[in-house]
Amino acid sequence: MIYMVEMALLEPARRAEWEAWYVAHQRRLLAIPGFRASQRFEAVHAAASPFVALHEVDSAEIFAGPTYRARAGPGNTGEWQARMGNWHRNLFGGVDHTPDVPMDARLVVVEDDGGSTSPHGVSVTWMEAVGLDRSVRRRGLAVMPPATADRLIGARGIRVLRPLGPRLRGEGRS
């Protein structure tokens, strides 16, 4: 399953501090049994939620468990909770693994507009929202070279994201 968190940083002057906090937050998440991988992204164009984190998880039950509740979730984001806007948390099924997006590639997020075909001939992996906010019904992901992905900037329902760091793995996971 894919746990997708998206947001806008409301205090850009504190970006370096927020980045350091978020990397530590990723490491806390990856220490929770059932969190397998995590990678963060930023839109290369204007977007309502320019920051996206993709976390690979075993199941929806993780979010109701005592370990997650004690170490993560909205109640454990400290001061940053109030400094993140347009914040959404969605759990998606239909995909077992988060994509490993190299630092020299792009992640393209495609919003479902009710159609079942991939826009612009892009090969998209579709996911269905199965938990948490369910702020969308369905979303697609594609990993592409920058030259190809960047041509999609401005297309309706598409966000083009660059990795902010490599895909991190939980302890003991290959």
Protein backbone atom coordinates (compact mmCIF):
# COMPACT_ATOMS: atom_id res chain seq x y z
CA MET A 1 0.00 0.00 0.00
CA ILE A 2 1.05 3.58 -0.53
CA TYR A 3 0.57 6.24 2.13
CA MET A 4 0.71 9.59 0.35
CA VAL A 5 1.07 12.83 2.28
CA GLU A 6 0.91 16.16 0.46
CA MET A 7 1.17 19.70 1.73
CA ALA A 8 2.30 23.27 1.28
CA LEU A 9 4.88 24.83 3.61
CA LEU A 10 3.33 28.03 4.96
CA GLU A 11 6.60 29.58 6.17
CA PRO A 12 9.10 29.28 3.30
CA ALA A 13 11.72 31.25 5.29
CA ARG A 14 11.94 28.20 7.62
CA ARG A 15 12.41 25.69 4.81
CA ALA A 16 15.85 24.43 5.90
CA GLU A 17 14.58 23.80 9.42
CA TRP A 18 11.46 22.05 8.10
CA GLU A 19 13.55 19.88 5.75
CA ALA A 20 15.73 18.71 8.66
CA TRP A 21 12.62 17.95 10.73
CA TYR A 22 10.99 16.03 7.88
CA VAL A 23 14.01 13.79 7.24
CA ALA A 24 14.05 12.93 10.96
CA HIS A 25 10.29 12.31 10.73
CA GLN A 26 10.87 9.89 7.84
CA ARG A 27 13.39 7.97 9.94
CA ARG A 28 10.87 7.80 12.83
CA LEU A 29 8.26 6.42 10.44
CA LEU A 30 10.66 3.83 9.04
CA ALA A 31 11.37 2.58 12.57
CA ILE A 32 7.68 1.67 12.94
CA PRO A 33 6.96 -1.97 12.02
CA GLY A 34 5.07 -2.03 8.73
CA PHE A 35 6.66 1.08 7.21
CA ARG A 36 8.97 -0.20 4.50
CA ALA A 37 10.13 2.80 2.43
CA SER A 38 9.79 6.57 2.14
CA GLN A 39 10.70 9.23 -0.41
CA ARG A 40 9.91 12.96 -0.60
CA PHE A 41 9.23 15.19 -3.60
CA GLU A 42 8.62 18.80 -4.59
CA ALA A 43 6.64 20.12 -7.57
CA VAL A 44 8.77 21.78 -10.25
CA HIS A 45 5.88 24.18 -10.94
CA ALA A 46 3.25 26.04 -8.92
CA ALA A 47 0.90 23.63 -7.13
CA ALA A 48 -1.58 23.85 -4.24
CA SER A 49 0.30 21.04 -2.47
CA PRO A 50 3.84 21.24 -3.84
CA PHE A 51 5.38 18.79 -1.35
CA VAL A 52 4.58 15.08 -1.49
CA ALA A 53 5.85 12.15 0.55
CA LEU A 54 5.27 8.57 -0.55
CA HIS A 55 5.53 5.92 2.14
CA GLU A 56 5.29 2.19 1.48
CA VAL A 57 3.29 0.43 4.21
CA ASP A 58 2.12 -3.11 4.90
CA SER A 59 -1.51 -2.38 5.78
CA ALA A 60 -4.11 0.14 6.93
CA GLU A 61 -4.00 -1.35 10.43
CA ILE A 62 -0.65 0.37 11.08
CA PHE A 63 -2.40 3.74 11.45
CA ALA A 64 -4.63 2.49 14.27
CA GLY A 65 -1.79 0.79 16.14
CA PRO A 66 -0.20 2.09 19.33
CA THR A 67 3.30 2.44 17.85
CA TYR A 68 2.14 4.71 15.02
CA ARG A 69 -0.08 6.73 17.36
CA ALA A 70 2.82 7.22 19.81
CA ARG A 71 5.51 8.14 17.24
CA ALA A 72 3.78 9.57 14.17
CA GLY A 73 0.50 10.85 12.79
CA PRO A 74 -0.93 14.35 12.97
CA GLY A 75 -0.57 14.54 16.74
CA ASN A 76 3.19 14.01 16.53
CA THR A 77 4.16 16.65 13.99
CA GLY A 78 4.73 19.28 16.67
CA GLU A 79 4.81 22.90 15.60
CA TRP A 80 4.95 21.92 11.93
CA GLN A 81 1.31 20.81 11.86
CA ALA A 82 0.22 24.47 11.99
CA ARG A 83 2.86 25.42 9.40
CA MET A 84 1.66 23.02 6.69
CA GLY A 85 -1.34 23.96 4.59
CA ASN A 86 -3.44 22.11 2.03
CA TRP A 87 -2.39 19.00 3.93
CA HIS A 88 -3.87 15.65 2.89
CA ARG A 89 -3.16 12.06 3.91
CA ASN A 90 -4.43 9.30 1.65
CA LEU A 91 -3.87 5.57 1.76
CA PHE A 92 -3.91 3.87 -1.62
CA GLY A 93 -4.39 0.24 -2.52
CA GLY A 94 -3.76 -1.51 -5.80
CA VAL A 95 -0.01 -0.93 -5.60
CA ASP A 96 2.30 -2.82 -3.26
CA HIS A 97 5.45 -0.73 -3.61
CA THR A 98 6.34 2.92 -3.90
CA PRO A 99 8.33 3.72 -7.00
CA ASP A 100 12.06 4.21 -6.54
CA VAL A 101 12.52 7.58 -8.23
CA PRO A 102 16.18 8.32 -9.01
CA MET A 103 17.43 11.81 -8.22
CA ASP A 104 17.72 12.53 -11.96
CA ALA A 105 14.11 11.54 -12.73
CA ARG A 106 10.62 12.95 -12.13
CA LEU A 107 7.55 11.57 -10.43
CA VAL A 108 4.38 12.48 -12.31
CA VAL A 109 1.16 12.45 -10.25
CA VAL A 110 -2.00 12.18 -12.34
CA GLU A 111 -5.40 13.04 -10.91
CA ASP A 112 -8.26 10.82 -12.02
CA ASP A 113 -10.75 12.84 -14.03
CA GLY A 114 -13.22 9.98 -14.29
CA GLY A 115 -11.53 8.43 -17.30
CA SER A 116 -9.60 5.21 -17.30
CA THR A 117 -6.95 6.07 -19.85
CA SER A 118 -3.57 7.58 -19.18
CA PRO A 119 -3.19 11.18 -20.33
CA HIS A 120 -0.85 12.06 -23.18
CA GLY A 121 0.03 8.39 -23.71
CA VAL A 122 1.82 8.27 -20.34
CA SER A 123 2.14 4.80 -18.80
CA VAL A 124 0.52 5.37 -15.40
CA THR A 125 0.13 3.01 -12.44
CA TRP A 126 -3.32 3.73 -10.99
CA MET A 127 -4.09 3.52 -7.27
CA GLU A 128 -7.44 3.54 -5.46
CA ALA A 129 -7.92 5.50 -2.22
CA VAL A 130 -8.79 3.02 0.52
CA GLY A 131 -8.21 4.96 3.73
CA LEU A 132 -7.38 8.05 5.79
CA ASP A 133 -8.60 11.34 4.24
CA ARG A 134 -9.76 9.89 0.91
CA SER A 135 -9.50 13.41 -0.50
CA VAL A 136 -9.32 11.82 -3.97
CA ARG A 137 -10.85 8.65 -5.34
CA ARG A 138 -8.00 7.55 -7.55
CA ARG A 139 -4.53 8.74 -8.56
CA GLY A 140 -1.85 7.65 -10.96
CA LEU A 141 1.93 7.63 -10.67
CA ALA A 142 4.58 7.53 -13.37
CA VAL A 143 8.38 7.82 -13.23
CA MET A 144 9.83 9.67 -16.21
CA PRO A 145 12.96 11.43 -17.42
CA PRO A 146 12.82 15.20 -16.76
CA ALA A 147 12.72 16.16 -20.44
CA THR A 148 9.61 14.01 -20.98
CA ALA A 149 7.88 14.83 -17.69
CA ASP A 150 8.51 18.56 -17.87
CA ARG A 151 6.55 18.72 -21.14
CA LEU A 152 3.48 17.79 -19.08
CA ILE A 153 3.74 20.90 -16.87
CA GLY A 154 0.55 22.89 -17.19
CA ALA A 155 -1.58 19.93 -18.25
CA ARG A 156 -4.80 19.70 -16.26
CA GLY A 157 -4.64 17.27 -13.35
CA ILE A 158 -0.90 16.65 -13.52
CA ARG A 159 1.85 17.46 -11.01
CA VAL A 160 5.47 17.01 -11.98
CA LEU A 161 7.70 16.41 -8.96
CA ARG A 162 11.44 16.16 -8.40
CA PRO A 163 12.90 13.99 -5.63
CA LEU A 164 14.13 15.85 -2.54
CA GLY A 165 16.19 12.83 -1.53
CA PRO A 166 16.66 9.16 -2.29
CA ARG A 167 14.13 6.49 -1.41
CA LEU A 168 14.81 5.48 2.19
CA ARG A 169 14.22 1.94 3.44
CA GLY A 170 13.17 0.73 6.85
CA GLU A 171 15.62 -1.23 8.97
CA GLY A 172 16.17 -4.78 7.80
CA ARG A 173 14.46 -4.20 4.44
CA SER A 174 16.13 -4.65 1.10
